Structure formats: structure tokens, C-alpha cells
Amino acid sequence: MEIQGERFYEVGLLRRNLEKLFSEKSPFWAPWSFDFFEYFRPRVILPYDILNYAETGITNEIAPFILDSDSQDQYLYIDNDRVGLQISR
């Protein structure tokens, strides 16, 4: 996907993976939390150049990522490290 001229990967988070991580005995297990995945369909947003950023870091030459609330989807957040989260409704 492209946002403000930058390319990103959009990685969907799956309910079944969460169920594998947290059993009913886990302190983090809550039945309603699985419904969250069905309703909001969360996705992790990763920069297209993530391997480069992992090796060299993000330099000062890369401007902070600023979302304009008037022109962008209100269910999208991307931090200055270019990693973000998006949900659907």
C-alpha cells in the first residue's frame, strides 16, 4: 500500500494465531478479545524498506511521519519509526 508517497506492507493479524498463543489458562486470555479480530480486522503496517531500517536505523534525513486527519483514514496510525496499525470498521 502507499501512504503519502511512501510504500508499506500491510500484514493482517489472524484470530487463530492469537488463540494458539494464549490458552484459556493464560492470564491474557479473554473470550471477547477474539471477537475484536473478527470485527476490526487489525493489520500491522510496516515500511517497505524495513530491512534497510533494521540494519542502518532511520536517519535524521527521514522526516517524521505525520498523518493529516482531514485526508487520511481515521483508523490508521503510523509512528515515526514507520511501524503502524490499521483497523477496519
C-alpha atoms as a PDB file:
ATOM      1  CA  MET A   1       0.000   0.000   0.000  1.00  0.00           C
ATOM      2  CA  GLU A   2       1.076   3.600  -0.456  1.00  0.00           C
ATOM      3  CA  ILE A   3       0.530   6.377   2.075  1.00  0.00           C
ATOM      4  CA  GLN A   4       1.759   9.924   1.476  1.00  0.00           C
ATOM      5  CA  GLY A   5       4.094   8.735  -1.263  1.00  0.00           C
ATOM      6  CA  GLU A   6       5.698   6.009   0.889  1.00  0.00           C
ATOM      7  CA  ARG A   7       5.262   2.293   0.339  1.00  0.00           C
ATOM      8  CA  PHE A   8       4.236  -0.024   3.177  1.00  0.00           C
ATOM      9  CA  TYR A   9       3.449  -3.672   3.785  1.00  0.00           C
ATOM     10  CA  GLU A  10       0.041  -4.382   5.269  1.00  0.00           C
ATOM     11  CA  VAL A  11       0.093  -7.562   7.400  1.00  0.00           C
ATOM     12  CA  GLY A  12      -3.211  -8.938   8.664  1.00  0.00           C
ATOM     13  CA  LEU A  13      -3.407 -10.304  12.205  1.00  0.00           C
ATOM     14  CA  LEU A  14      -5.369 -13.525  12.481  1.00  0.00           C
ATOM     15  CA  ARG A  15      -7.571 -14.657  15.344  1.00  0.00           C
ATOM     16  CA  ARG A  16      -6.408 -18.260  15.070  1.00  0.00           C
ATOM     17  CA  ASN A  17      -2.798 -17.183  15.715  1.00  0.00           C
ATOM     18  CA  LEU A  18      -3.877 -15.392  18.878  1.00  0.00           C
ATOM     19  CA  GLU A  19      -5.740 -18.486  20.032  1.00  0.00           C
ATOM     20  CA  LYS A  20      -2.542 -20.533  19.597  1.00  0.00           C
ATOM     21  CA  LEU A  21      -0.530 -18.056  21.692  1.00  0.00           C
ATOM     22  CA  PHE A  22      -2.975 -17.680  24.573  1.00  0.00           C
ATOM     23  CA  SER A  23      -4.694 -20.698  26.046  1.00  0.00           C
ATOM     24  CA  GLU A  24      -7.631 -20.491  28.441  1.00  0.00           C
ATOM     25  CA  LYS A  25      -5.140 -20.812  31.311  1.00  0.00           C
ATOM     26  CA  SER A  26      -3.225 -17.706  30.204  1.00  0.00           C
ATOM     27  CA  PRO A  27      -3.744 -14.524  32.263  1.00  0.00           C
ATOM     28  CA  PHE A  28      -4.118 -12.669  28.935  1.00  0.00           C
ATOM     29  CA  TRP A  29      -6.955 -14.856  27.653  1.00  0.00           C
ATOM     30  CA  ALA A  30     -10.336 -13.206  27.324  1.00  0.00           C
ATOM     31  CA  PRO A  31     -13.056 -14.658  25.073  1.00  0.00           C
ATOM     32  CA  TRP A  32     -14.208 -11.210  23.928  1.00  0.00           C
ATOM     33  CA  SER A  33     -10.716 -10.327  22.685  1.00  0.00           C
ATOM     34  CA  PHE A  34     -11.048 -12.880  19.893  1.00  0.00           C
ATOM     35  CA  ASP A  35     -14.175 -11.092  18.659  1.00  0.00           C
ATOM     36  CA  PHE A  36     -12.047  -7.966  18.293  1.00  0.00           C
ATOM     37  CA  PHE A  37     -10.216  -9.623  15.398  1.00  0.00           C
ATOM     38  CA  GLU A  38     -13.442 -10.522  13.628  1.00  0.00           C
ATOM     39  CA  TYR A  39     -14.929  -7.043  13.953  1.00  0.00           C
ATOM     40  CA  PHE A  40     -11.935  -4.736  13.431  1.00  0.00           C
ATOM     41  CA  ARG A  41      -9.644  -6.917  11.250  1.00  0.00           C
ATOM     42  CA  PRO A  42      -6.411  -5.312  12.601  1.00  0.00           C
ATOM     43  CA  ARG A  43      -3.354  -5.050  10.382  1.00  0.00           C
ATOM     44  CA  VAL A  44       0.242  -4.143  11.180  1.00  0.00           C
ATOM     45  CA  ILE A  45       1.718  -1.524   8.845  1.00  0.00           C
ATOM     46  CA  LEU A  46       5.437  -1.989   8.125  1.00  0.00           C
ATOM     47  CA  PRO A  47       7.672   0.198   5.967  1.00  0.00           C
ATOM     48  CA  TYR A  48       8.658  -1.224   2.600  1.00  0.00           C
ATOM     49  CA  ASP A  49      12.321  -0.536   3.491  1.00  0.00           C
ATOM     50  CA  ILE A  50      12.060  -2.345   6.831  1.00  0.00           C
ATOM     51  CA  LEU A  51      15.169  -4.462   6.229  1.00  0.00           C
ATOM     52  CA  ASN A  52      17.224  -1.362   5.483  1.00  0.00           C
ATOM     53  CA  TYR A  53      15.863   0.405   8.584  1.00  0.00           C
ATOM     54  CA  ALA A  54      16.640  -2.665  10.705  1.00  0.00           C
ATOM     55  CA  GLU A  55      20.262  -2.685   9.552  1.00  0.00           C
ATOM     56  CA  THR A  56      21.016   1.047   9.468  1.00  0.00           C
ATOM     57  CA  GLY A  57      18.246   2.656  11.519  1.00  0.00           C
ATOM     58  CA  ILE A  58      16.146   5.627  10.500  1.00  0.00           C
ATOM     59  CA  THR A  59      18.346   8.630   9.828  1.00  0.00           C
ATOM     60  CA  ASN A  60      17.601  12.265  10.590  1.00  0.00           C
ATOM     61  CA  GLU A  61      17.097  12.769   6.857  1.00  0.00           C
ATOM     62  CA  ILE A  62      13.794  10.883   7.071  1.00  0.00           C
ATOM     63  CA  ALA A  63      11.131  13.330   8.222  1.00  0.00           C
ATOM     64  CA  PRO A  64       8.697  12.289  10.978  1.00  0.00           C
ATOM     65  CA  PHE A  65       5.562  10.646   9.627  1.00  0.00           C
ATOM     66  CA  ILE A  66       2.613  12.982  10.112  1.00  0.00           C
ATOM     67  CA  LEU A  67      -0.924  11.872   9.312  1.00  0.00           C
ATOM     68  CA  ASP A  68      -3.267  14.616   8.246  1.00  0.00           C
ATOM     69  CA  SER A  69      -6.546  13.782   9.971  1.00  0.00           C
ATOM     70  CA  ASP A  70      -8.531  15.532   7.234  1.00  0.00           C
ATOM     71  CA  SER A  71      -7.136  13.448   4.383  1.00  0.00           C
ATOM     72  CA  GLN A  72      -6.277  10.098   5.991  1.00  0.00           C
ATOM     73  CA  ASP A  73      -8.381   7.240   7.277  1.00  0.00           C
ATOM     74  CA  GLN A  74      -9.146   7.817  10.953  1.00  0.00           C
ATOM     75  CA  TYR A  75      -8.450   4.154  11.738  1.00  0.00           C
ATOM     76  CA  LEU A  76      -4.773   4.291  10.758  1.00  0.00           C
ATOM     77  CA  TYR A  77      -1.776   5.126  12.942  1.00  0.00           C
ATOM     78  CA  ILE A  78       1.852   5.160  11.851  1.00  0.00           C
ATOM     79  CA  ASP A  79       4.588   6.100  14.309  1.00  0.00           C
ATOM     80  CA  ASN A  80       7.785   7.992  13.431  1.00  0.00           C
ATOM     81  CA  ASP A  81       9.616   4.663  13.128  1.00  0.00           C
ATOM     82  CA  ARG A  82       7.208   3.906  10.246  1.00  0.00           C
ATOM     83  CA  VAL A  83       5.564   0.968  12.055  1.00  0.00           C
ATOM     84  CA  GLY A  84       1.842   1.311  12.497  1.00  0.00           C
ATOM     85  CA  LEU A  85      -1.567  -0.242  12.985  1.00  0.00           C
ATOM     86  CA  GLN A  86      -4.753  -0.079  10.978  1.00  0.00           C
ATOM     87  CA  ILE A  87      -8.225  -1.325  11.850  1.00  0.00           C
ATOM     88  CA  SER A  88     -11.351  -1.533   9.737  1.00  0.00           C
ATOM     89  CA  ARG A  89     -14.957  -0.998  10.669  1.00  0.00           C
END
